[in-house]
C-alpha atoms as a PDB file:
ATOM      1  CA  MET A   1     152.178 193.098 158.440  1.00  0.00           C
ATOM      2  CA  SER A   2     153.548 190.362 156.191  1.00  0.00           C
ATOM      3  CA  THR A   3     153.603 186.715 157.154  1.00  0.00           C
ATOM      4  CA  ALA A   4     156.623 184.764 155.980  1.00  0.00           C
ATOM      5  CA  VAL A   5     155.956 181.282 154.644  1.00  0.00           C
ATOM      6  CA  VAL A   6     158.541 178.890 155.979  1.00  0.00           C
ATOM      7  CA  VAL A   7     159.247 175.913 153.742  1.00  0.00           C
ATOM      8  CA  THR A   8     161.038 173.024 155.413  1.00  0.00           C
ATOM      9  CA  ALA A   9     163.803 171.104 153.673  1.00  0.00           C
ATOM     10  CA  GLU A  10     161.481 168.101 153.348  1.00  0.00           C
ATOM     11  CA  GLU A  11     158.727 170.208 151.779  1.00  0.00           C
ATOM     12  CA  HIS A  12     161.209 171.751 149.361  1.00  0.00           C
ATOM     13  CA  GLN A  13     162.472 168.291 148.438  1.00  0.00           C
ATOM     14  CA  GLN A  14     158.923 167.091 147.771  1.00  0.00           C
ATOM     15  CA  GLN A  15     158.166 170.176 145.661  1.00  0.00           C
ATOM     16  CA  GLN A  16     161.273 169.547 143.584  1.00  0.00           C
ATOM     17  CA  LEU A  17     160.337 165.883 143.208  1.00  0.00           C
ATOM     18  CA  LYS A  18     156.829 166.794 141.950  1.00  0.00           C
ATOM     19  CA  LYS A  19     158.317 169.295 139.525  1.00  0.00           C
ATOM     20  CA  GLY A  20     160.782 166.682 138.238  1.00  0.00           C
ATOM     21  CA  ILE A  21     158.057 164.051 137.803  1.00  0.00           C
ATOM     22  CA  ALA A  22     155.825 166.473 135.892  1.00  0.00           C
ATOM     23  CA  GLU A  23     158.632 167.580 133.585  1.00  0.00           C
ATOM     24  CA  PHE A  24     159.827 163.997 133.032  1.00  0.00           C
ATOM     25  CA  TYR A  25     156.375 162.911 131.848  1.00  0.00           C
ATOM     26  CA  ASP A  26     155.762 166.152 129.948  1.00  0.00           C
ATOM     27  CA  GLU A  27     158.885 165.288 127.949  1.00  0.00           C
ATOM     28  CA  SER A  28     158.534 161.543 127.548  1.00  0.00           C
ATOM     29  CA  SER A  29     154.822 160.768 127.190  1.00  0.00           C
ATOM     30  CA  GLY A  30     154.659 161.610 123.483  1.00  0.00           C
ATOM     31  CA  ILE A  31     157.523 159.254 122.672  1.00  0.00           C
ATOM     32  CA  TRP A  32     155.955 156.464 124.685  1.00  0.00           C
ATOM     33  CA  GLU A  33     152.585 156.868 122.985  1.00  0.00           C
ATOM     34  CA  ASN A  34     154.134 156.912 119.506  1.00  0.00           C
ATOM     35  CA  ILE A  35     156.000 153.646 120.086  1.00  0.00           C
ATOM     36  CA  TRP A  36     153.956 151.792 122.702  1.00  0.00           C
ATOM     37  CA  GLY A  37     150.464 153.276 122.592  1.00  0.00           C
ATOM     38  CA  GLU A  38     148.183 154.704 125.253  1.00  0.00           C
ATOM     39  CA  HIS A  39     149.012 152.360 128.162  1.00  0.00           C
ATOM     40  CA  MET A  40     152.039 153.663 130.072  1.00  0.00           C
ATOM     41  CA  HIS A  41     152.707 150.555 132.149  1.00  0.00           C
ATOM     42  CA  HIS A  42     154.203 147.054 132.041  1.00  0.00           C
ATOM     43  CA  GLY A  43     152.645 144.224 130.118  1.00  0.00           C
ATOM     44  CA  PHE A  44     151.652 140.921 131.738  1.00  0.00           C
ATOM     45  CA  TYR A  45     153.165 137.815 130.090  1.00  0.00           C
ATOM     46  CA  ASP A  46     153.161 134.087 130.707  1.00  0.00           C
ATOM     47  CA  THR A  47     156.296 133.165 132.644  1.00  0.00           C
ATOM     48  CA  ASN A  48     159.278 132.270 130.456  1.00  0.00           C
ATOM     49  CA  ALA A  49     157.305 133.177 127.339  1.00  0.00           C
ATOM     50  CA  VAL A  50     159.077 134.069 124.103  1.00  0.00           C
ATOM     51  CA  VAL A  51     157.372 137.222 122.898  1.00  0.00           C
ATOM     52  CA  GLU A  52     157.414 139.363 119.785  1.00  0.00           C
ATOM     53  CA  LEU A  53     157.309 143.148 119.772  1.00  0.00           C
ATOM     54  CA  SER A  54     153.752 142.954 118.450  1.00  0.00           C
ATOM     55  CA  ASP A  55     152.689 141.118 121.642  1.00  0.00           C
ATOM     56  CA  HIS A  56     153.419 143.969 123.998  1.00  0.00           C
ATOM     57  CA  ARG A  57     150.357 146.169 123.560  1.00  0.00           C
ATOM     58  CA  SER A  58     148.034 143.216 124.143  1.00  0.00           C
ATOM     59  CA  ALA A  59     150.150 142.341 127.195  1.00  0.00           C
ATOM     60  CA  GLN A  60     149.484 145.830 128.594  1.00  0.00           C
ATOM     61  CA  ILE A  61     145.736 145.241 128.266  1.00  0.00           C
ATOM     62  CA  ARG A  62     146.208 141.860 129.898  1.00  0.00           C
ATOM     63  CA  MET A  63     147.923 143.596 132.833  1.00  0.00           C
ATOM     64  CA  VAL A  64     144.745 145.594 133.448  1.00  0.00           C
ATOM     65  CA  GLU A  65     142.564 142.479 133.218  1.00  0.00           C
ATOM     66  CA  GLU A  66     144.840 140.406 135.456  1.00  0.00           C
ATOM     67  CA  ALA A  67     144.795 143.147 138.110  1.00  0.00           C
ATOM     68  CA  LEU A  68     140.985 143.243 138.045  1.00  0.00           C
ATOM     69  CA  ARG A  69     140.838 139.435 138.255  1.00  0.00           C
ATOM     70  CA  PHE A  70     143.310 139.314 141.167  1.00  0.00           C
ATOM     71  CA  ALA A  71     141.225 141.870 143.056  1.00  0.00           C
ATOM     72  CA  SER A  72     137.981 140.000 142.259  1.00  0.00           C
ATOM     73  CA  VAL A  73     136.343 143.061 140.700  1.00  0.00           C
ATOM     74  CA  SER A  74     132.922 141.909 139.570  1.00  0.00           C
ATOM     75  CA  ASP A  75     131.546 142.077 136.024  1.00  0.00           C
ATOM     76  CA  ASP A  76     128.041 141.589 137.421  1.00  0.00           C
ATOM     77  CA  PRO A  77     125.956 144.592 136.282  1.00  0.00           C
ATOM     78  CA  ALA A  78     124.618 144.965 139.820  1.00  0.00           C
ATOM     79  CA  LYS A  79     128.082 144.926 141.422  1.00  0.00           C
ATOM     80  CA  LYS A  80     130.435 146.395 138.829  1.00  0.00           C
ATOM     81  CA  PRO A  81     132.173 149.719 139.581  1.00  0.00           C
ATOM     82  CA  ARG A  82     130.299 152.853 138.593  1.00  0.00           C
ATOM     83  CA  SER A  83     132.777 155.465 139.776  1.00  0.00           C
ATOM     84  CA  ILE A  84     136.538 155.030 139.382  1.00  0.00           C
ATOM     85  CA  VAL A  85     139.625 157.093 140.164  1.00  0.00           C
ATOM     86  CA  ASP A  86     142.891 156.465 138.299  1.00  0.00           C
ATOM     87  CA  VAL A  87     145.678 157.803 140.510  1.00  0.00           C
ATOM     88  CA  GLY A  88     148.701 158.604 138.354  1.00  0.00           C
ATOM     89  CA  CYS A  89     146.755 158.136 135.140  1.00  0.00           C
ATOM     90  CA  GLY A  90     149.432 158.807 132.505  1.00  0.00           C
ATOM     91  CA  ILE A  91     147.659 159.612 129.242  1.00  0.00           C
ATOM     92  CA  GLY A  92     144.556 157.836 130.493  1.00  0.00           C
ATOM     93  CA  GLY A  93     144.866 154.372 128.944  1.00  0.00           C
ATOM     94  CA  SER A  94     143.580 152.529 132.016  1.00  0.00           C
ATOM     95  CA  SER A  95     140.909 155.153 132.690  1.00  0.00           C
ATOM     96  CA  ARG A  96     139.367 154.851 129.253  1.00  0.00           C
ATOM     97  CA  TYR A  97     139.640 151.052 129.242  1.00  0.00           C
ATOM     98  CA  LEU A  98     137.911 150.774 132.631  1.00  0.00           C
ATOM     99  CA  SER A  99     135.287 153.329 131.665  1.00  0.00           C
ATOM    100  CA  ARG A 100     134.422 151.371 128.513  1.00  0.00           C
ATOM    101  CA  LYS A 101     134.490 148.002 130.283  1.00  0.00           C
ATOM    102  CA  TYR A 102     132.169 148.992 133.106  1.00  0.00           C
ATOM    103  CA  GLY A 103     130.261 151.945 131.630  1.00  0.00           C
ATOM    104  CA  ALA A 104     131.673 153.853 134.596  1.00  0.00           C
ATOM    105  CA  GLU A 105     132.673 157.439 135.199  1.00  0.00           C
ATOM    106  CA  CYS A 106     136.438 157.641 135.622  1.00  0.00           C
ATOM    107  CA  ASN A 107     138.495 160.512 137.014  1.00  0.00           C
ATOM    108  CA  GLY A 108     142.215 160.473 136.248  1.00  0.00           C
ATOM    109  CA  ILE A 109     144.837 162.585 138.000  1.00  0.00           C
ATOM    110  CA  THR A 110     148.464 163.237 137.040  1.00  0.00           C
ATOM    111  CA  LEU A 111     151.159 165.777 137.874  1.00  0.00           C
ATOM    112  CA  SER A 112     151.827 166.305 134.155  1.00  0.00           C
ATOM    113  CA  PRO A 113     149.783 168.981 132.315  1.00  0.00           C
ATOM    114  CA  VAL A 114     150.844 167.437 128.993  1.00  0.00           C
ATOM    115  CA  GLN A 115     149.480 164.052 130.065  1.00  0.00           C
ATOM    116  CA  ALA A 116     146.182 165.467 131.349  1.00  0.00           C
ATOM    117  CA  GLU A 117     145.586 167.382 128.123  1.00  0.00           C
ATOM    118  CA  ARG A 118     146.439 164.398 125.924  1.00  0.00           C
ATOM    119  CA  ALA A 119     144.301 162.045 128.039  1.00  0.00           C
ATOM    120  CA  GLN A 120     141.301 164.348 127.652  1.00  0.00           C
ATOM    121  CA  ALA A 121     141.849 164.672 123.891  1.00  0.00           C
ATOM    122  CA  LEU A 122     141.990 160.872 123.523  1.00  0.00           C
ATOM    123  CA  ALA A 123     138.813 160.506 125.604  1.00  0.00           C
ATOM    124  CA  ALA A 124     137.029 162.919 123.276  1.00  0.00           C
ATOM    125  CA  ALA A 125     138.367 161.144 120.176  1.00  0.00           C
ATOM    126  CA  GLN A 126     137.161 157.785 121.544  1.00  0.00           C
ATOM    127  CA  GLY A 127     133.690 159.077 122.411  1.00  0.00           C
ATOM    128  CA  LEU A 128     134.322 159.027 126.163  1.00  0.00           C
ATOM    129  CA  ALA A 129     134.378 162.749 126.934  1.00  0.00           C
ATOM    130  CA  ASP A 130     131.271 162.377 129.107  1.00  0.00           C
ATOM    131  CA  LYS A 131     132.702 159.394 130.995  1.00  0.00           C
ATOM    132  CA  ALA A 132     136.451 159.981 131.469  1.00  0.00           C
ATOM    133  CA  SER A 133     137.886 163.242 132.769  1.00  0.00           C
ATOM    134  CA  PHE A 134     141.437 164.202 133.636  1.00  0.00           C
ATOM    135  CA  GLN A 135     143.121 166.901 135.684  1.00  0.00           C
ATOM    136  CA  VAL A 136     146.452 167.916 137.144  1.00  0.00           C
ATOM    137  CA  ALA A 137     146.391 167.006 140.829  1.00  0.00           C
ATOM    138  CA  ASP A 138     148.559 165.601 143.613  1.00  0.00           C
ATOM    139  CA  ALA A 139     147.867 161.990 144.636  1.00  0.00           C
ATOM    140  CA  LEU A 140     148.830 162.937 148.203  1.00  0.00           C
ATOM    141  CA  ASN A 141     146.127 165.612 148.303  1.00  0.00           C
ATOM    142  CA  GLN A 142     143.395 164.451 145.960  1.00  0.00           C
ATOM    143  CA  PRO A 143     140.719 166.985 144.920  1.00  0.00           C
ATOM    144  CA  PHE A 144     137.838 164.607 145.655  1.00  0.00           C
ATOM    145  CA  PRO A 145     135.406 164.229 148.562  1.00  0.00           C
ATOM    146  CA  ASP A 146     135.564 161.336 150.991  1.00  0.00           C
ATOM    147  CA  GLY A 147     134.028 158.064 149.848  1.00  0.00           C
ATOM    148  CA  LYS A 148     133.498 159.030 146.204  1.00  0.00           C
ATOM    149  CA  PHE A 149     134.800 155.999 144.263  1.00  0.00           C
ATOM    150  CA  ASP A 150     133.927 152.298 144.308  1.00  0.00           C
ATOM    151  CA  LEU A 151     137.145 151.362 142.471  1.00  0.00           C
ATOM    152  CA  VAL A 152     140.430 153.072 143.373  1.00  0.00           C
ATOM    153  CA  TRP A 153     143.115 152.276 140.791  1.00  0.00           C
ATOM    154  CA  SER A 154     146.854 152.999 140.973  1.00  0.00           C
ATOM    155  CA  MET A 155     148.835 151.406 138.142  1.00  0.00           C
ATOM    156  CA  GLU A 156     152.558 152.071 138.553  1.00  0.00           C
ATOM    157  CA  SER A 157     152.343 155.404 140.318  1.00  0.00           C
ATOM    158  CA  GLY A 158     153.039 154.419 143.923  1.00  0.00           C
ATOM    159  CA  GLU A 159     156.788 154.339 143.297  1.00  0.00           C
ATOM    160  CA  HIS A 160     156.694 158.118 142.736  1.00  0.00           C
ATOM    161  CA  MET A 161     155.062 158.844 146.114  1.00  0.00           C
ATOM    162  CA  PRO A 162     157.427 160.330 148.729  1.00  0.00           C
ATOM    163  CA  ASP A 163     155.039 159.613 151.620  1.00  0.00           C
ATOM    164  CA  LYS A 164     153.642 156.090 151.273  1.00  0.00           C
ATOM    165  CA  LEU A 165     151.379 156.402 154.336  1.00  0.00           C
ATOM    166  CA  LYS A 166     149.841 159.599 152.979  1.00  0.00           C
ATOM    167  CA  PHE A 167     149.481 157.920 149.581  1.00  0.00           C
ATOM    168  CA  VAL A 168     147.531 154.898 150.829  1.00  0.00           C
ATOM    169  CA  SER A 169     145.589 157.081 153.281  1.00  0.00           C
ATOM    170  CA  GLU A 170     144.339 159.192 150.376  1.00  0.00           C
ATOM    171  CA  LEU A 171     143.443 156.071 148.389  1.00  0.00           C
ATOM    172  CA  ALA A 172     141.409 154.869 151.371  1.00  0.00           C
ATOM    173  CA  ARG A 173     139.852 158.294 152.000  1.00  0.00           C
ATOM    174  CA  VAL A 174     138.372 158.661 148.498  1.00  0.00           C
ATOM    175  CA  ALA A 175     137.217 155.020 148.446  1.00  0.00           C
ATOM    176  CA  ALA A 176     133.540 154.413 149.151  1.00  0.00           C
ATOM    177  CA  PRO A 177     132.571 151.888 151.822  1.00  0.00           C
ATOM    178  CA  GLY A 178     133.069 148.447 150.303  1.00  0.00           C
ATOM    179  CA  ALA A 179     135.251 149.817 147.488  1.00  0.00           C
ATOM    180  CA  THR A 180     138.162 147.886 146.022  1.00  0.00           C
ATOM    181  CA  ILE A 181     141.650 149.449 146.062  1.00  0.00           C
ATOM    182  CA  ILE A 182     144.241 148.174 143.571  1.00  0.00           C
ATOM    183  CA  ILE A 183     147.914 149.166 143.792  1.00  0.00           C
ATOM    184  CA  VAL A 184     150.342 147.858 141.166  1.00  0.00           C
ATOM    185  CA  THR A 185     153.822 149.191 141.817  1.00  0.00           C
ATOM    186  CA  TRP A 186     157.566 148.608 141.884  1.00  0.00           C
ATOM    187  CA  CYS A 187     158.881 147.618 145.292  1.00  0.00           C
ATOM    188  CA  HIS A 188     162.186 146.436 146.670  1.00  0.00           C
ATOM    189  CA  ARG A 189     162.423 142.914 148.038  1.00  0.00           C
ATOM    190  CA  ASP A 190     161.056 142.176 151.489  1.00  0.00           C
ATOM    191  CA  LEU A 191     163.701 142.219 154.210  1.00  0.00           C
ATOM    192  CA  SER A 192     164.453 139.036 156.113  1.00  0.00           C
ATOM    193  CA  PRO A 193     163.743 138.985 159.874  1.00  0.00           C
ATOM    194  CA  THR A 194     167.458 139.525 160.587  1.00  0.00           C
ATOM    195  CA  GLU A 195     167.853 142.504 158.225  1.00  0.00           C
ATOM    196  CA  GLU A 196     167.325 146.141 159.138  1.00  0.00           C
ATOM    197  CA  SER A 197     167.952 147.484 155.643  1.00  0.00           C
ATOM    198  CA  LEU A 198     168.968 146.516 152.130  1.00  0.00           C
ATOM    199  CA  ARG A 199     172.598 145.773 151.402  1.00  0.00           C
ATOM    200  CA  PRO A 200     174.758 148.777 150.356  1.00  0.00           C
ATOM    201  CA  GLU A 201     175.197 147.464 146.797  1.00  0.00           C
ATOM    202  CA  GLU A 202     171.402 147.124 146.497  1.00  0.00           C
ATOM    203  CA  GLU A 203     170.872 150.659 147.761  1.00  0.00           C
ATOM    204  CA  LYS A 204     173.365 151.878 145.170  1.00  0.00           C
ATOM    205  CA  ILE A 205     171.346 150.365 142.288  1.00  0.00           C
ATOM    206  CA  LEU A 206     168.080 151.816 143.592  1.00  0.00           C
ATOM    207  CA  ASN A 207     169.580 155.270 144.145  1.00  0.00           C
ATOM    208  CA  LYS A 208     170.756 155.396 140.528  1.00  0.00           C
ATOM    209  CA  ILE A 209     167.278 154.427 139.336  1.00  0.00           C
ATOM    210  CA  CYS A 210     165.675 156.996 141.650  1.00  0.00           C
ATOM    211  CA  SER A 211     167.685 159.872 140.232  1.00  0.00           C
ATOM    212  CA  SER A 212     166.821 158.885 136.651  1.00  0.00           C
ATOM    213  CA  PHE A 213     163.092 158.244 137.084  1.00  0.00           C
ATOM    214  CA  TYR A 214     162.325 160.860 139.783  1.00  0.00           C
ATOM    215  CA  LEU A 215     161.549 158.348 142.500  1.00  0.00           C
ATOM    216  CA  PRO A 216     161.787 158.875 146.256  1.00  0.00           C
ATOM    217  CA  ALA A 217     162.848 156.112 148.631  1.00  0.00           C
ATOM    218  CA  TRP A 218     161.535 152.655 147.775  1.00  0.00           C
ATOM    219  CA  CYS A 219     159.590 150.392 150.118  1.00  0.00           C
ATOM    220  CA  SER A 220     158.747 146.692 150.149  1.00  0.00           C
ATOM    221  CA  THR A 221     155.480 144.879 149.544  1.00  0.00           C
ATOM    222  CA  ALA A 222     155.475 143.987 153.242  1.00  0.00           C
ATOM    223  CA  ASP A 223     155.691 147.712 154.052  1.00  0.00           C
ATOM    224  CA  TYR A 224     152.593 148.383 151.964  1.00  0.00           C
ATOM    225  CA  ILE A 225     150.703 145.579 153.681  1.00  0.00           C
ATOM    226  CA  LYS A 226     151.551 147.003 157.117  1.00  0.00           C
ATOM    227  CA  LEU A 227     150.327 150.446 156.031  1.00  0.00           C
ATOM    228  CA  LEU A 228     147.044 149.043 154.740  1.00  0.00           C
ATOM    229  CA  GLU A 229     146.599 147.042 157.959  1.00  0.00           C
ATOM    230  CA  SER A 230     147.191 150.209 159.994  1.00  0.00           C
ATOM    231  CA  LEU A 231     144.224 151.795 158.181  1.00  0.00           C
ATOM    232  CA  SER A 232     141.984 148.800 159.039  1.00  0.00           C
ATOM    233  CA  LEU A 233     141.466 147.896 155.391  1.00  0.00           C
ATOM    234  CA  GLN A 234     140.174 144.391 154.700  1.00  0.00           C
ATOM    235  CA  ASP A 235     140.849 141.448 152.384  1.00  0.00           C
ATOM    236  CA  ILE A 236     144.475 142.552 151.926  1.00  0.00           C
ATOM    237  CA  LYS A 237     146.413 140.347 149.547  1.00  0.00           C
ATOM    238  CA  ALA A 238     149.537 140.699 147.462  1.00  0.00           C
ATOM    239  CA  ALA A 239     151.520 138.884 144.789  1.00  0.00           C
ATOM    240  CA  ASP A 240     154.919 139.177 143.141  1.00  0.00           C
ATOM    241  CA  TRP A 241     154.375 139.490 139.392  1.00  0.00           C
ATOM    242  CA  SER A 242     158.065 140.051 138.574  1.00  0.00           C
ATOM    243  CA  PRO A 243     158.313 136.867 136.431  1.00  0.00           C
ATOM    244  CA  ASN A 244     155.236 138.009 134.477  1.00  0.00           C
ATOM    245  CA  VAL A 245     156.784 141.357 133.506  1.00  0.00           C
ATOM    246  CA  ALA A 246     160.282 140.016 132.776  1.00  0.00           C
ATOM    247  CA  PRO A 247     160.068 140.462 128.965  1.00  0.00           C
ATOM    248  CA  PHE A 248     159.035 144.100 129.296  1.00  0.00           C
ATOM    249  CA  TRP A 249     162.276 145.994 129.970  1.00  0.00           C
ATOM    250  CA  PRO A 250     164.332 144.180 127.298  1.00  0.00           C
ATOM    251  CA  ALA A 251     161.569 145.094 124.829  1.00  0.00           C
ATOM    252  CA  VAL A 252     161.626 148.742 125.910  1.00  0.00           C
ATOM    253  CA  ILE A 253     165.405 148.848 125.457  1.00  0.00           C
ATOM    254  CA  LYS A 254     165.057 147.227 122.039  1.00  0.00           C
ATOM    255  CA  THR A 255     162.593 149.904 120.907  1.00  0.00           C
ATOM    256  CA  ALA A 256     164.774 152.653 122.397  1.00  0.00           C
ATOM    257  CA  LEU A 257     167.700 151.423 120.309  1.00  0.00           C
ATOM    258  CA  SER A 258     165.655 151.381 117.094  1.00  0.00           C
ATOM    259  CA  TRP A 259     166.043 154.285 114.678  1.00  0.00           C
ATOM    260  CA  THR A 260     162.641 155.669 115.678  1.00  0.00           C
ATOM    261  CA  GLY A 261     163.526 155.310 119.348  1.00  0.00           C
ATOM    262  CA  ILE A 262     166.918 156.990 119.062  1.00  0.00           C
ATOM    263  CA  THR A 263     165.642 159.941 117.029  1.00  0.00           C
ATOM    264  CA  SER A 264     162.690 160.371 119.399  1.00  0.00           C
ATOM    265  CA  LEU A 265     164.971 160.331 122.434  1.00  0.00           C
ATOM    266  CA  LEU A 266     167.270 162.942 120.910  1.00  0.00           C
ATOM    267  CA  ARG A 267     164.289 165.216 120.289  1.00  0.00           C
ATOM    268  CA  SER A 268     162.739 164.714 123.695  1.00  0.00           C
ATOM    269  CA  GLY A 269     165.246 166.159 126.130  1.00  0.00           C
ATOM    270  CA  TRP A 270     167.789 165.206 128.757  1.00  0.00           C
ATOM    271  CA  LYS A 271     165.326 163.886 131.360  1.00  0.00           C
ATOM    272  CA  THR A 272     164.012 161.275 128.950  1.00  0.00           C
ATOM    273  CA  ILE A 273     167.490 160.315 127.775  1.00  0.00           C
ATOM    274  CA  ARG A 274     168.631 159.877 131.377  1.00  0.00           C
ATOM    275  CA  GLY A 275     165.601 157.682 132.051  1.00  0.00           C
ATOM    276  CA  ALA A 276     166.429 155.538 129.013  1.00  0.00           C
ATOM    277  CA  MET A 277     170.015 155.135 130.207  1.00  0.00           C
ATOM    278  CA  ALA A 278     168.740 153.732 133.520  1.00  0.00           C
ATOM    279  CA  MET A 279     166.689 150.959 131.914  1.00  0.00           C
ATOM    280  CA  PRO A 280     169.496 148.341 132.136  1.00  0.00           C
ATOM    281  CA  LEU A 281     169.555 148.993 135.898  1.00  0.00           C
ATOM    282  CA  MET A 282     165.903 147.931 136.102  1.00  0.00           C
ATOM    283  CA  ILE A 283     166.798 144.653 134.400  1.00  0.00           C
ATOM    284  CA  GLU A 284     169.750 144.204 136.770  1.00  0.00           C
ATOM    285  CA  GLY A 285     167.491 144.850 139.755  1.00  0.00           C
ATOM    286  CA  PHE A 286     164.930 142.307 138.584  1.00  0.00           C
ATOM    287  CA  LYS A 287     167.608 139.690 137.879  1.00  0.00           C
ATOM    288  CA  LYS A 288     169.181 140.176 141.304  1.00  0.00           C
ATOM    289  CA  ASP A 289     165.772 139.717 142.961  1.00  0.00           C
ATOM    290  CA  LEU A 290     166.039 143.244 144.335  1.00  0.00           C
ATOM    291  CA  ILE A 291     163.212 144.878 142.384  1.00  0.00           C
ATOM    292  CA  LYS A 292     159.761 143.373 142.676  1.00  0.00           C
ATOM    293  CA  PHE A 293     156.767 144.139 140.525  1.00  0.00           C
ATOM    294  CA  SER A 294     153.958 143.837 143.028  1.00  0.00           C
ATOM    295  CA  ILE A 295     150.202 143.939 143.147  1.00  0.00           C
ATOM    296  CA  ILE A 296     148.539 144.758 146.449  1.00  0.00           C
ATOM    297  CA  THR A 297     144.752 144.862 146.739  1.00  0.00           C
ATOM    298  CA  CYS A 298     142.300 145.434 149.550  1.00  0.00           C
ATOM    299  CA  ARG A 299     138.765 146.513 150.343  1.00  0.00           C
ATOM    300  CA  LYS A 300     137.444 149.390 152.426  1.00  0.00           C
ATOM    301  CA  PRO A 301     135.082 148.169 155.160  1.00  0.00           C
ATOM    302  CA  LYS A 302     131.376 148.766 154.505  1.00  0.00           C
END
């Protein structure tokens, strides 16, 4: 007797989204590393700063440090993190940086087999094979036991999550009692008390970005805070770092339009090209105060 497996439309949509995300990063990660290095996230800049292309890699490191500072992660040897998870790890730039900084074990997860393999190779090349490990896994169903990590890190992966409650629930589940959770992610603006949704022209911009970068529906920073409150997490705080990442997208476009960028894009595949074509929409969204680059941190109760 055979048992038919029924897949709902929502489940099918999520499966297709995961497949698209994996293929997008399989295609594009090599280009990014060649031009921008091992950190696949925004840089943090002084507001209204005039920056050179050479400043951007140091700005990406600064983003990591600013996130740790905002969350009050301790450098005290007795209090520093010893076990870290990097949820949506890219090619492991944050994982290896955090592992070196704290002498901690770091586990990175990504949907992209290409990213996981490259992250592990870089860890070995940097002498961190015994400290940083990487695997293909779903952030909404993490392959870790409850309470394993004393620092839970998500740098620009939350925007890919189709179920934000499940996402933050998994972050909280794998966090040890007293652990710090750091989420740095793209959000849409908070709605005013009289609004029930974004304006149609705003939705149109976000929908175009979603289709290019394999993103599900966006949420606001306020939405994240409500979700974290619903899980009884403590010391919840958030900030809008949009002004501090403003130089980033123009710089990415500039590199994409360089000879190296154009030839790399042409070699990479249609998914990467489509993502590059959507970059001006990110700038438009930031300028219109629609897209917010947010940090949200909290602590799991002891």
